[in-house]
């Protein structure tokens, strides 16, 4: 079970990191952007670590309060959830 969850989290975090990077590239080149809701949803469904790292690596979405505060909050919830899951198993 933990192996499946670990694989899922790895994939969703890589995808989320890539989406933030692609959106930053599109912002620089005045291209059609990825919706903010999509970026937040991918963070919510497990990609919060990828989103958090991408925000700092790409310096993207760091000024918007709803990214600045919700992504780290999601990360804390995800980490606590994983700790509780591991302790119970």
PDB file of N, CA and C in Angstrom:
ATOM      1  N   UNK A   1       0.826  -1.203   0.000  1.00  0.00           N
ATOM      2  CA  UNK A   1       0.000   0.000   0.000  1.00  0.00           C
ATOM      3  C   UNK A   1       0.869   1.266   0.000  1.00  0.00           C
ATOM      4  N   UNK A   2       1.880   1.296   0.886  1.00  0.00           N
ATOM      5  CA  UNK A   2       2.747   2.467   0.937  1.00  0.00           C
ATOM      6  C   UNK A   2       3.523   2.652  -0.360  1.00  0.00           C
ATOM      7  N   UNK A   3       3.865   1.545  -1.003  1.00  0.00           N
ATOM      8  CA  UNK A   3       4.599   1.628  -2.266  1.00  0.00           C
ATOM      9  C   UNK A   3       3.744   2.308  -3.337  1.00  0.00           C
ATOM     10  N   UNK A   4       2.473   1.941  -3.407  1.00  0.00           N
ATOM     11  CA  UNK A   4       1.548   2.535  -4.383  1.00  0.00           C
ATOM     12  C   UNK A   4       1.375   4.027  -4.098  1.00  0.00           C
ATOM     13  N   UNK A   5       1.203   4.373  -2.830  1.00  0.00           N
ATOM     14  CA  UNK A   5       1.059   5.782  -2.449  1.00  0.00           C
ATOM     15  C   UNK A   5       2.334   6.545  -2.793  1.00  0.00           C
ATOM     16  N   UNK A   6       3.485   5.958  -2.522  1.00  0.00           N
ATOM     17  CA  UNK A   6       4.756   6.597  -2.830  1.00  0.00           C
ATOM     18  C   UNK A   6       4.933   6.853  -4.322  1.00  0.00           C
ATOM     19  N   UNK A   7       4.559   5.869  -5.140  1.00  0.00           N
ATOM     20  CA  UNK A   7       4.649   6.030  -6.596  1.00  0.00           C
ATOM     21  C   UNK A   7       3.698   7.126  -7.066  1.00  0.00           C
ATOM     22  N   UNK A   8       2.472   7.115  -6.529  1.00  0.00           N
ATOM     23  CA  UNK A   8       1.504   8.152  -6.881  1.00  0.00           C
ATOM     24  C   UNK A   8       2.045   9.540  -6.530  1.00  0.00           C
ATOM     25  N   UNK A   9       2.564   9.682  -5.308  1.00  0.00           N
ATOM     26  CA  UNK A   9       3.070  10.985  -4.870  1.00  0.00           C
ATOM     27  C   UNK A   9       4.256  11.443  -5.712  1.00  0.00           C
ATOM     28  N   UNK A  10       5.118  10.516  -6.084  1.00  0.00           N
ATOM     29  CA  UNK A  10       6.245  10.871  -6.944  1.00  0.00           C
ATOM     30  C   UNK A  10       5.745  11.405  -8.285  1.00  0.00           C
ATOM     31  N   UNK A  11       4.813  10.691  -8.890  1.00  0.00           N
ATOM     32  CA  UNK A  11       4.284  11.093 -10.199  1.00  0.00           C
ATOM     33  C   UNK A  11       3.554  12.435 -10.115  1.00  0.00           C
ATOM     34  N   UNK A  12       2.656  12.603  -9.146  1.00  0.00           N
ATOM     35  CA  UNK A  12       1.871  13.833  -9.067  1.00  0.00           C
ATOM     36  C   UNK A  12       2.767  15.034  -8.746  1.00  0.00           C
ATOM     37  N   UNK A  13       3.822  14.831  -7.970  1.00  0.00           N
ATOM     38  CA  UNK A  13       4.723  15.938  -7.668  1.00  0.00           C
ATOM     39  C   UNK A  13       5.579  16.317  -8.867  1.00  0.00           C
ATOM     40  N   UNK A  14       6.023  15.344  -9.650  1.00  0.00           N
ATOM     41  CA  UNK A  14       6.776  15.645 -10.872  1.00  0.00           C
ATOM     42  C   UNK A  14       5.878  16.382 -11.865  1.00  0.00           C
ATOM     43  N   UNK A  15       4.640  15.911 -12.014  1.00  0.00           N
ATOM     44  CA  UNK A  15       3.690  16.563 -12.924  1.00  0.00           C
ATOM     45  C   UNK A  15       3.406  17.995 -12.464  1.00  0.00           C
ATOM     46  N   UNK A  16       3.180  18.176 -11.178  1.00  0.00           N
ATOM     47  CA  UNK A  16       2.890  19.508 -10.644  1.00  0.00           C
ATOM     48  C   UNK A  16       4.079  20.445 -10.849  1.00  0.00           C
ATOM     49  N   UNK A  17       5.275  19.967 -10.555  1.00  0.00           N
ATOM     50  CA  UNK A  17       6.482  20.769 -10.768  1.00  0.00           C
ATOM     51  C   UNK A  17       6.582  21.189 -12.229  1.00  0.00           C
ATOM     52  N   UNK A  18       6.342  20.240 -13.131  1.00  0.00           N
ATOM     53  CA  UNK A  18       6.413  20.532 -14.566  1.00  0.00           C
ATOM     54  C   UNK A  18       5.353  21.550 -14.975  1.00  0.00           C
ATOM     55  N   UNK A  19       4.136  21.422 -14.457  1.00  0.00           N
ATOM     56  CA  UNK A  19       3.078  22.376 -14.796  1.00  0.00           C
ATOM     57  C   UNK A  19       3.439  23.800 -14.379  1.00  0.00           C
ATOM     58  N   UNK A  20       4.008  23.952 -13.193  1.00  0.00           N
ATOM     59  CA  UNK A  20       4.423  25.283 -12.745  1.00  0.00           C
ATOM     60  C   UNK A  20       5.526  25.822 -13.645  1.00  0.00           C
ATOM     61  N   UNK A  21       6.468  24.966 -14.026  1.00  0.00           N
ATOM     62  CA  UNK A  21       7.540  25.388 -14.920  1.00  0.00           C
ATOM     63  C   UNK A  21       7.028  25.785 -16.293  1.00  0.00           C
ATOM     64  N   UNK A  22       6.114  24.990 -16.826  1.00  0.00           N
ATOM     65  CA  UNK A  22       5.518  25.295 -18.135  1.00  0.00           C
ATOM     66  C   UNK A  22       4.740  26.599 -18.065  1.00  0.00           C
ATOM     67  N   UNK A  23       3.983  26.789 -16.985  1.00  0.00           N
ATOM     68  CA  UNK A  23       3.209  28.025 -16.850  1.00  0.00           C
ATOM     69  C   UNK A  23       4.121  29.240 -16.744  1.00  0.00           C
ATOM     70  N   UNK A  24       5.241  29.114 -16.052  1.00  0.00           N
ATOM     71  CA  UNK A  24       6.188  30.213 -15.962  1.00  0.00           C
ATOM     72  C   UNK A  24       6.761  30.531 -17.350  1.00  0.00           C
ATOM     73  N   UNK A  25       7.114  29.488 -18.104  1.00  0.00           N
ATOM     74  CA  UNK A  25       7.635  29.692 -19.455  1.00  0.00           C
ATOM     75  C   UNK A  25       6.593  30.391 -20.324  1.00  0.00           C
ATOM     76  N   UNK A  26       5.335  29.949 -20.211  1.00  0.00           N
ATOM     77  CA  UNK A  26       4.262  30.570 -20.988  1.00  0.00           C
ATOM     78  C   UNK A  26       4.050  32.028 -20.574  1.00  0.00           C
ATOM     79  N   UNK A  27       4.206  32.321 -19.295  1.00  0.00           N
ATOM     80  CA  UNK A  27       4.055  33.700 -18.816  1.00  0.00           C
ATOM     81  C   UNK A  27       5.140  34.593 -19.418  1.00  0.00           C
ATOM     82  N   UNK A  28       6.345  34.090 -19.471  1.00  0.00           N
ATOM     83  CA  UNK A  28       7.459  34.869 -20.025  1.00  0.00           C
ATOM     84  C   UNK A  28       7.269  35.117 -21.522  1.00  0.00           C
ATOM     85  N   UNK A  29       6.724  34.120 -22.223  1.00  0.00           N
ATOM     86  CA  UNK A  29       6.598  34.202 -23.676  1.00  0.00           C
ATOM     87  C   UNK A  29       5.204  34.627 -24.157  1.00  0.00           C
ATOM     88  N   UNK A  30       4.406  35.167 -23.256  1.00  0.00           N
ATOM     89  CA  UNK A  30       3.055  35.648 -23.586  1.00  0.00           C
ATOM     90  C   UNK A  30       2.215  34.616 -24.326  1.00  0.00           C
ATOM     91  N   UNK A  31       2.234  33.400 -23.820  1.00  0.00           N
ATOM     92  CA  UNK A  31       1.450  32.302 -24.407  1.00  0.00           C
ATOM     93  C   UNK A  31       0.218  32.049 -23.543  1.00  0.00           C
ATOM     94  N   UNK A  32      -0.672  31.210 -24.072  1.00  0.00           N
ATOM     95  CA  UNK A  32      -1.862  30.813 -23.336  1.00  0.00           C
ATOM     96  C   UNK A  32      -1.442  30.082 -22.073  1.00  0.00           C
ATOM     97  N   UNK A  33      -1.950  30.495 -20.914  1.00  0.00           N
ATOM     98  CA  UNK A  33      -1.482  30.017 -19.616  1.00  0.00           C
ATOM     99  C   UNK A  33      -2.286  28.836 -19.092  1.00  0.00           C
ATOM    100  N   UNK A  34      -1.702  28.146 -18.134  1.00  0.00           N
ATOM    101  CA  UNK A  34      -2.386  27.078 -17.405  1.00  0.00           C
ATOM    102  C   UNK A  34      -3.236  27.753 -16.336  1.00  0.00           C
ATOM    103  N   UNK A  35      -4.476  27.288 -16.193  1.00  0.00           N
ATOM    104  CA  UNK A  35      -5.380  27.919 -15.220  1.00  0.00           C
ATOM    105  C   UNK A  35      -4.837  27.783 -13.801  1.00  0.00           C
ATOM    106  N   UNK A  36      -5.016  28.825 -13.017  1.00  0.00           N
ATOM    107  CA  UNK A  36      -4.566  28.790 -11.626  1.00  0.00           C
ATOM    108  C   UNK A  36      -5.257  27.677 -10.850  1.00  0.00           C
ATOM    109  N   UNK A  37      -6.524  27.431 -11.173  1.00  0.00           N
ATOM    110  CA  UNK A  37      -7.253  26.356 -10.507  1.00  0.00           C
ATOM    111  C   UNK A  37      -6.572  25.010 -10.757  1.00  0.00           C
ATOM    112  N   UNK A  38      -6.083  24.799 -11.965  1.00  0.00           N
ATOM    113  CA  UNK A  38      -5.387  23.554 -12.290  1.00  0.00           C
ATOM    114  C   UNK A  38      -4.120  23.422 -11.461  1.00  0.00           C
ATOM    115  N   UNK A  39      -3.380  24.501 -11.335  1.00  0.00           N
ATOM    116  CA  UNK A  39      -2.155  24.478 -10.539  1.00  0.00           C
ATOM    117  C   UNK A  39      -2.458  24.172  -9.073  1.00  0.00           C
ATOM    118  N   UNK A  40      -3.493  24.792  -8.540  1.00  0.00           N
ATOM    119  CA  UNK A  40      -3.850  24.557  -7.140  1.00  0.00           C
ATOM    120  C   UNK A  40      -4.422  23.157  -6.916  1.00  0.00           C
ATOM    121  N   UNK A  41      -5.195  22.665  -7.864  1.00  0.00           N
ATOM    122  CA  UNK A  41      -5.786  21.330  -7.717  1.00  0.00           C
ATOM    123  C   UNK A  41      -4.702  20.255  -7.740  1.00  0.00           C
ATOM    124  N   UNK A  42      -3.720  20.405  -8.632  1.00  0.00           N
ATOM    125  CA  UNK A  42      -2.654  19.399  -8.651  1.00  0.00           C
ATOM    126  C   UNK A  42      -1.870  19.413  -7.336  1.00  0.00           C
ATOM    127  N   UNK A  43      -1.715  20.586  -6.739  1.00  0.00           N
ATOM    128  CA  UNK A  43      -1.075  20.659  -5.427  1.00  0.00           C
ATOM    129  C   UNK A  43      -1.952  19.997  -4.373  1.00  0.00           C
ATOM    130  N   UNK A  44      -3.244  20.239  -4.439  1.00  0.00           N
ATOM    131  CA  UNK A  44      -4.186  19.693  -3.470  1.00  0.00           C
ATOM    132  C   UNK A  44      -4.251  18.176  -3.494  1.00  0.00           C
ATOM    133  N   UNK A  45      -4.178  17.575  -4.666  1.00  0.00           N
ATOM    134  CA  UNK A  45      -4.323  16.115  -4.765  1.00  0.00           C
ATOM    135  C   UNK A  45      -3.015  15.366  -4.537  1.00  0.00           C
ATOM    136  N   UNK A  46      -2.053  16.052  -3.944  1.00  0.00           N
ATOM    137  CA  UNK A  46      -0.822  15.377  -3.557  1.00  0.00           C
ATOM    138  C   UNK A  46       0.449  16.004  -4.077  1.00  0.00           C
ATOM    139  N   UNK A  47       0.337  17.006  -4.932  1.00  0.00           N
ATOM    140  CA  UNK A  47       1.519  17.610  -5.525  1.00  0.00           C
ATOM    141  C   UNK A  47       2.012  18.853  -4.812  1.00  0.00           C
ATOM    142  N   UNK A  48       1.731  18.967  -3.527  1.00  0.00           N
ATOM    143  CA  UNK A  48       2.099  20.191  -2.809  1.00  0.00           C
ATOM    144  C   UNK A  48       3.610  20.373  -2.706  1.00  0.00           C
ATOM    145  N   UNK A  49       4.361  19.300  -2.562  1.00  0.00           N
ATOM    146  CA  UNK A  49       5.817  19.435  -2.492  1.00  0.00           C
ATOM    147  C   UNK A  49       6.372  19.912  -3.831  1.00  0.00           C
ATOM    148  N   UNK A  50       5.888  19.330  -4.915  1.00  0.00           N
ATOM    149  CA  UNK A  50       6.312  19.773  -6.243  1.00  0.00           C
ATOM    150  C   UNK A  50       5.948  21.224  -6.503  1.00  0.00           C
ATOM    151  N   UNK A  51       4.763  21.626  -6.063  1.00  0.00           N
ATOM    152  CA  UNK A  51       4.323  23.013  -6.235  1.00  0.00           C
ATOM    153  C   UNK A  51       5.197  23.955  -5.410  1.00  0.00           C
ATOM    154  N   UNK A  52       5.458  23.576  -4.169  1.00  0.00           N
ATOM    155  CA  UNK A  52       6.263  24.417  -3.277  1.00  0.00           C
ATOM    156  C   UNK A  52       7.670  24.606  -3.832  1.00  0.00           C
ATOM    157  N   UNK A  53       8.284  23.519  -4.263  1.00  0.00           N
ATOM    158  CA  UNK A  53       9.635  23.612  -4.835  1.00  0.00           C
ATOM    159  C   UNK A  53       9.619  24.434  -6.119  1.00  0.00           C
ATOM    160  N   UNK A  54       8.641  24.190  -6.980  1.00  0.00           N
ATOM    161  CA  UNK A  54       8.554  24.919  -8.253  1.00  0.00           C
ATOM    162  C   UNK A  54       8.347  26.408  -8.036  1.00  0.00           C
ATOM    163  N   UNK A  55       7.548  26.768  -7.041  1.00  0.00           N
ATOM    164  CA  UNK A  55       7.317  28.185  -6.759  1.00  0.00           C
ATOM    165  C   UNK A  55       8.631  28.898  -6.466  1.00  0.00           C
ATOM    166  N   UNK A  56       9.538  28.215  -5.799  1.00  0.00           N
ATOM    167  CA  UNK A  56      10.814  28.832  -5.440  1.00  0.00           C
ATOM    168  C   UNK A  56      11.858  28.693  -6.543  1.00  0.00           C
ATOM    169  N   UNK A  57      11.881  27.563  -7.223  1.00  0.00           N
ATOM    170  CA  UNK A  57      12.844  27.367  -8.309  1.00  0.00           C
ATOM    171  C   UNK A  57      12.560  28.319  -9.464  1.00  0.00           C
ATOM    172  N   UNK A  58      11.280  28.397  -9.858  1.00  0.00           N
ATOM    173  CA  UNK A  58      10.901  29.235 -10.995  1.00  0.00           C
ATOM    174  C   UNK A  58      10.501  30.647 -10.589  1.00  0.00           C
ATOM    175  N   UNK A  59      10.447  30.909  -9.283  1.00  0.00           N
ATOM    176  CA  UNK A  59       9.954  32.191  -8.763  1.00  0.00           C
ATOM    177  C   UNK A  59       8.616  32.537  -9.406  1.00  0.00           C
ATOM    178  N   UNK A  60       7.722  31.582  -9.261  1.00  0.00           N
ATOM    179  CA  UNK A  60       6.428  31.682  -9.932  1.00  0.00           C
ATOM    180  C   UNK A  60       5.300  31.548  -8.919  1.00  0.00           C
ATOM    181  N   UNK A  61       4.339  32.436  -9.003  1.00  0.00           N
ATOM    182  CA  UNK A  61       3.151  32.456  -8.140  1.00  0.00           C
ATOM    183  C   UNK A  61       3.495  32.729  -6.680  1.00  0.00           C
ATOM    184  N   UNK A  62       4.612  33.354  -6.429  1.00  0.00           N
ATOM    185  CA  UNK A  62       5.009  33.619  -5.045  1.00  0.00           C
ATOM    186  C   UNK A  62       4.394  34.896  -4.481  1.00  0.00           C
ATOM    187  N   UNK A  63       3.858  35.742  -5.333  1.00  0.00           N
ATOM    188  CA  UNK A  63       3.241  36.990  -4.857  1.00  0.00           C
ATOM    189  C   UNK A  63       1.749  36.864  -4.620  1.00  0.00           C
ATOM    190  N   UNK A  64       1.130  35.874  -5.225  1.00  0.00           N
ATOM    191  CA  UNK A  64      -0.320  35.697  -5.065  1.00  0.00           C
ATOM    192  C   UNK A  64      -0.580  35.038  -3.713  1.00  0.00           C
ATOM    193  N   UNK A  65      -1.375  35.722  -2.871  1.00  0.00           N
ATOM    194  CA  UNK A  65      -1.578  35.251  -1.510  1.00  0.00           C
ATOM    195  C   UNK A  65      -2.139  33.848  -1.455  1.00  0.00           C
ATOM    196  N   UNK A  66      -3.022  33.510  -2.397  1.00  0.00           N
ATOM    197  CA  UNK A  66      -3.653  32.198  -2.325  1.00  0.00           C
ATOM    198  C   UNK A  66      -2.693  31.085  -2.719  1.00  0.00           C
ATOM    199  N   UNK A  67      -1.620  31.384  -3.378  1.00  0.00           N
ATOM    200  CA  UNK A  67      -0.562  30.399  -3.608  1.00  0.00           C
ATOM    201  C   UNK A  67       0.441  30.450  -2.449  1.00  0.00           C
ATOM    202  N   UNK A  68       0.773  31.655  -2.046  1.00  0.00           N
ATOM    203  CA  UNK A  68       1.784  31.871  -1.014  1.00  0.00           C
ATOM    204  C   UNK A  68       1.419  31.182   0.301  1.00  0.00           C
ATOM    205  N   UNK A  69       0.132  31.126   0.614  1.00  0.00           N
ATOM    206  CA  UNK A  69      -0.292  30.552   1.886  1.00  0.00           C
ATOM    207  C   UNK A  69      -0.913  29.160   1.749  1.00  0.00           C
ATOM    208  N   UNK A  70      -1.636  28.897   0.672  1.00  0.00           N
ATOM    209  CA  UNK A  70      -2.312  27.598   0.578  1.00  0.00           C
ATOM    210  C   UNK A  70      -1.367  26.459   0.217  1.00  0.00           C
ATOM    211  N   UNK A  71      -0.389  26.706  -0.652  1.00  0.00           N
ATOM    212  CA  UNK A  71       0.521  25.619  -1.027  1.00  0.00           C
ATOM    213  C   UNK A  71       1.328  25.132   0.188  1.00  0.00           C
ATOM    214  N   UNK A  72       1.945  26.021   0.978  1.00  0.00           N
ATOM    215  CA  UNK A  72       2.634  25.520   2.179  1.00  0.00           C
ATOM    216  C   UNK A  72       1.685  24.846   3.174  1.00  0.00           C
ATOM    217  N   UNK A  73       0.468  25.356   3.296  1.00  0.00           N
ATOM    218  CA  UNK A  73      -0.507  24.725   4.198  1.00  0.00           C
ATOM    219  C   UNK A  73      -0.855  23.323   3.711  1.00  0.00           C
ATOM    220  N   UNK A  74      -1.039  23.167   2.396  1.00  0.00           N
ATOM    221  CA  UNK A  74      -1.305  21.836   1.843  1.00  0.00           C
ATOM    222  C   UNK A  74      -0.126  20.906   2.097  1.00  0.00           C
ATOM    223  N   UNK A  75       1.075  21.435   1.963  1.00  0.00           N
ATOM    224  CA  UNK A  75       2.269  20.624   2.183  1.00  0.00           C
ATOM    225  C   UNK A  75       2.319  20.115   3.622  1.00  0.00           C
ATOM    226  N   UNK A  76       2.015  20.977   4.572  1.00  0.00           N
ATOM    227  CA  UNK A  76       1.994  20.572   5.982  1.00  0.00           C
ATOM    228  C   UNK A  76       0.951  19.476   6.195  1.00  0.00           C
ATOM    229  N   UNK A  77      -0.236  19.662   5.648  1.00  0.00           N
ATOM    230  CA  UNK A  77      -1.299  18.661   5.790  1.00  0.00           C
ATOM    231  C   UNK A  77      -0.871  17.335   5.163  1.00  0.00           C
ATOM    232  N   UNK A  78      -0.261  17.387   3.991  1.00  0.00           N
ATOM    233  CA  UNK A  78       0.179  16.158   3.323  1.00  0.00           C
ATOM    234  C   UNK A  78       1.276  15.447   4.119  1.00  0.00           C
ATOM    235  N   UNK A  79       2.222  16.193   4.652  1.00  0.00           N
ATOM    236  CA  UNK A  79       3.302  15.585   5.436  1.00  0.00           C
ATOM    237  C   UNK A  79       2.751  14.960   6.710  1.00  0.00           C
ATOM    238  N   UNK A  80       1.884  15.673   7.401  1.00  0.00           N
ATOM    239  CA  UNK A  80       1.276  15.133   8.625  1.00  0.00           C
ATOM    240  C   UNK A  80       0.456  13.885   8.292  1.00  0.00           C
ATOM    241  N   UNK A  81      -0.285  13.936   7.199  1.00  0.00           N
ATOM    242  CA  UNK A  81      -1.066  12.772   6.784  1.00  0.00           C
ATOM    243  C   UNK A  81      -0.196  11.565   6.491  1.00  0.00           C
ATOM    244  N   UNK A  82       0.926  11.789   5.824  1.00  0.00           N
ATOM    245  CA  UNK A  82       1.838  10.675   5.524  1.00  0.00           C
ATOM    246  C   UNK A  82       2.460  10.117   6.800  1.00  0.00           C
ATOM    247  N   UNK A  83       2.820  10.997   7.720  1.00  0.00           N
ATOM    248  CA  UNK A  83       3.389  10.526   8.995  1.00  0.00           C
ATOM    249  C   UNK A  83       2.371   9.674   9.735  1.00  0.00           C
ATOM    250  N   UNK A  84       1.141  10.153   9.806  1.00  0.00           N
ATOM    251  CA  UNK A  84       0.089   9.372  10.482  1.00  0.00           C
ATOM    252  C   UNK A  84      -0.154   8.048   9.786  1.00  0.00           C
ATOM    253  N   UNK A  85      -0.121   8.043   8.470  1.00  0.00           N
ATOM    254  CA  UNK A  85      -0.329   6.812   7.710  1.00  0.00           C
ATOM    255  C   UNK A  85       0.792   5.809   7.985  1.00  0.00           C
ATOM    256  N   UNK A  86       2.013   6.265   7.994  1.00  0.00           N
ATOM    257  CA  UNK A  86       3.156   5.386   8.230  1.00  0.00           C
ATOM    258  C   UNK A  86       3.141   4.850   9.659  1.00  0.00           C
ATOM    259  N   UNK A  87       2.812   5.717  10.630  1.00  0.00           N
ATOM    260  CA  UNK A  87       2.779   5.290  12.021  1.00  0.00           C
ATOM    261  C   UNK A  87       1.690   4.234  12.234  1.00  0.00           C
ATOM    262  N   UNK A  88       0.561   4.388  11.592  1.00  0.00           N
ATOM    263  CA  UNK A  88      -0.543   3.440  11.768  1.00  0.00           C
ATOM    264  C   UNK A  88      -0.290   2.118  11.061  1.00  0.00           C
ATOM    265  N   UNK A  89       0.542   2.138  10.016  1.00  0.00           N
ATOM    266  CA  UNK A  89       0.854   0.886   9.307  1.00  0.00           C
ATOM    267  C   UNK A  89       2.064   0.315   9.949  1.00  0.00           C
TER     268      UNK A  89
END
